[in-house]
Amino acid sequence: MTFCLAGEVCRIVGRLLAVRGDYTPEVVAEACSVELREVTVPGEVVREFGGSFGTGPFSTVSFRGPATPGERSSSLIVLDVDESARIAGTDIEAQLDLSAAVISADPRIPLEGVVSFRIRHDCRAVTFQFALPSYTLSVVAVHEHM
């Protein structure tokens, strides 16, 4: 079961990476097949949007991008893995080549620690974060124009 969910994770990430041009709320919503709603954030530099998945490996998605459309600045997409999904790191590794990824570990976040794999793709970077000690996927993030 988690292998199928891992495949869906890879398909969504693939659709996000296939986007030509900068991310916009509309593009992210389409790639993730969710409806995004604007979230009020202080300041005038960024806009934030959030959405929920009805089914699949993710529970929520958030998108943070520049406040001015067309402005070329960094943006961030965060996909939170649904707690019931329990996607094994080995299932993600079976579908993606993580050998070229930059690996980092933080033994304090959460209390048990996390291991992250970051893969560069043109002007974007994808981070897969796995919770320890279970080595299950907890978050997928896509950074643009870092």
Protein backbone atom coordinates (compact mmCIF):
# COMPACT_ATOMS: atom_id res chain seq x y z
CA MET A 1 0.00 0.00 0.00
CA THR A 2 2.71 2.52 0.88
CA PHE A 3 4.49 1.75 -2.40
CA CYS A 4 1.40 3.02 -4.29
CA LEU A 5 1.30 6.12 -2.09
CA ALA A 6 5.01 6.67 -2.74
CA GLY A 7 4.23 6.54 -6.45
CA GLU A 8 1.57 9.21 -6.01
CA VAL A 9 4.07 11.38 -4.10
CA CYS A 10 6.51 11.05 -7.00
CA ARG A 11 3.80 11.85 -9.57
CA ILE A 12 2.77 15.06 -7.76
CA VAL A 13 6.39 16.14 -7.32
CA GLY A 14 6.98 15.35 -11.01
CA ARG A 15 4.04 17.55 -12.03
CA LEU A 16 5.40 20.39 -9.89
CA LEU A 17 8.87 20.07 -11.39
CA ALA A 18 7.45 19.94 -14.93
CA VAL A 19 5.87 23.40 -14.55
CA ARG A 20 7.35 25.85 -17.03
CA GLY A 21 7.87 29.34 -15.68
CA ASP A 22 7.40 30.54 -12.14
CA TYR A 23 4.97 29.00 -9.69
CA THR A 24 1.64 30.73 -9.22
CA PRO A 25 -1.27 29.71 -6.98
CA GLU A 26 -3.20 28.54 -10.04
CA VAL A 27 -0.33 26.41 -11.34
CA VAL A 28 0.31 24.82 -7.92
CA ALA A 29 -3.41 24.10 -7.45
CA GLU A 30 -3.58 22.39 -10.84
CA ALA A 31 -0.39 20.35 -10.32
CA CYS A 32 -1.59 19.16 -6.90
CA SER A 33 -5.26 18.78 -7.93
CA VAL A 34 -6.49 20.86 -4.99
CA GLU A 35 -8.27 24.14 -4.46
CA LEU A 36 -6.06 26.75 -2.83
CA ARG A 37 -7.41 29.55 -0.66
CA GLU A 38 -5.48 32.65 0.26
CA VAL A 39 -4.29 32.86 3.86
CA THR A 40 -3.82 36.26 5.48
CA VAL A 41 -0.19 36.94 6.31
CA PRO A 42 1.32 40.11 7.74
CA GLY A 43 3.35 42.29 5.41
CA GLU A 44 3.23 42.98 1.71
CA VAL A 45 6.15 40.89 0.48
CA VAL A 46 4.54 37.46 0.11
CA ARG A 47 1.17 35.84 -0.44
CA GLU A 48 0.30 32.51 1.09
CA PHE A 49 -2.27 29.94 0.00
CA GLY A 50 -3.37 26.67 1.57
CA GLY A 51 -5.42 23.67 0.57
CA SER A 52 -6.42 20.22 1.74
CA PHE A 53 -6.36 16.92 -0.08
CA GLY A 54 -9.42 14.68 0.16
CA THR A 55 -7.46 11.48 -0.39
CA GLY A 56 -3.96 10.32 -1.19
CA PRO A 57 -0.61 10.62 0.53
CA PHE A 58 -0.83 14.30 1.51
CA SER A 59 -3.10 16.04 3.99
CA THR A 60 -2.35 19.69 3.20
CA VAL A 61 -0.42 21.88 0.79
CA SER A 62 0.75 25.43 1.32
CA PHE A 63 2.20 27.77 -1.26
CA ARG A 64 4.09 30.94 -0.45
CA GLY A 65 5.08 33.20 -3.31
CA PRO A 66 5.79 36.82 -4.16
CA ALA A 67 3.02 39.35 -3.52
CA THR A 68 3.52 40.92 -6.93
CA PRO A 69 2.60 38.62 -9.84
CA GLY A 70 5.49 38.16 -12.23
CA GLU A 71 8.06 39.24 -9.65
CA ARG A 72 10.95 36.81 -9.75
CA SER A 73 11.64 35.84 -6.18
CA SER A 74 11.79 32.63 -4.23
CA SER A 75 8.66 30.64 -3.56
CA LEU A 76 7.94 27.59 -1.46
CA ILE A 77 5.50 24.71 -1.70
CA VAL A 78 5.10 22.48 1.36
CA LEU A 79 3.22 19.18 1.16
CA ASP A 80 2.44 17.62 4.54
CA VAL A 81 2.14 13.85 4.47
CA ASP A 82 -1.09 12.50 5.93
CA GLU A 83 -0.38 10.77 9.26
CA SER A 84 -2.29 7.68 8.16
CA ALA A 85 -0.16 7.29 5.02
CA ARG A 86 3.02 6.03 6.77
CA ILE A 87 5.11 6.08 3.57
CA ALA A 88 8.38 4.22 4.11
CA GLY A 89 11.61 5.88 3.06
CA THR A 90 12.58 2.71 1.25
CA ASP A 91 9.45 3.02 -0.94
CA ILE A 92 10.47 6.54 -1.99
CA GLU A 93 14.05 5.36 -2.60
CA ALA A 94 12.71 2.55 -4.81
CA GLN A 95 11.05 5.14 -7.07
CA LEU A 96 13.60 7.97 -6.99
CA ASP A 97 17.36 7.98 -7.27
CA LEU A 98 18.42 9.78 -4.09
CA SER A 99 22.12 8.93 -4.54
CA ALA A 100 22.90 12.44 -5.85
CA ALA A 101 20.90 14.14 -3.10
CA VAL A 102 22.40 16.28 -0.38
CA ILE A 103 21.66 14.55 2.91
CA SER A 104 21.22 16.33 6.23
CA ALA A 105 20.17 15.13 9.64
CA ASP A 106 18.78 16.98 12.61
CA PRO A 107 18.55 14.87 15.74
CA ARG A 108 16.30 17.40 17.53
CA ILE A 109 13.44 17.98 15.09
CA PRO A 110 11.02 16.49 16.05
CA LEU A 111 12.19 15.02 19.32
CA GLU A 112 13.29 11.80 17.59
CA GLY A 113 15.04 13.56 14.69
CA VAL A 114 14.71 13.78 10.92
CA VAL A 115 16.76 12.94 7.86
CA SER A 116 16.32 15.10 4.74
CA PHE A 117 17.31 14.51 1.13
CA ARG A 118 17.56 17.56 -1.15
CA ILE A 119 17.61 17.16 -4.92
CA ARG A 120 18.34 20.10 -7.26
CA HIS A 121 16.31 20.41 -10.45
CA ASP A 122 17.18 23.50 -12.52
CA CYS A 123 16.15 26.54 -10.43
CA ARG A 124 14.23 24.34 -7.99
CA ALA A 125 15.12 22.08 -5.10
CA VAL A 126 12.97 19.28 -3.69
CA THR A 127 13.40 18.22 -0.08
CA PHE A 128 12.08 14.90 1.23
CA GLN A 129 12.01 14.84 5.04
CA PHE A 130 11.78 11.53 6.89
CA ALA A 131 10.91 11.18 10.58
CA LEU A 132 13.15 9.00 12.74
CA PRO A 133 13.35 6.32 14.00
CA SER A 134 10.57 5.00 11.74
CA TYR A 135 12.11 6.51 8.56
CA THR A 136 8.68 7.49 7.26
CA LEU A 137 8.06 10.44 4.95
CA SER A 138 6.71 13.48 6.82
CA VAL A 139 7.12 16.49 4.50
CA VAL A 140 7.94 17.24 0.89
CA ALA A 141 9.00 20.80 0.05
CA VAL A 142 9.76 22.42 -3.29
CA HIS A 143 11.80 25.64 -3.26
CA GLU A 144 12.00 27.83 -6.34
CA HIS A 145 14.70 30.45 -7.08
CA MET A 146 16.69 29.74 -3.95
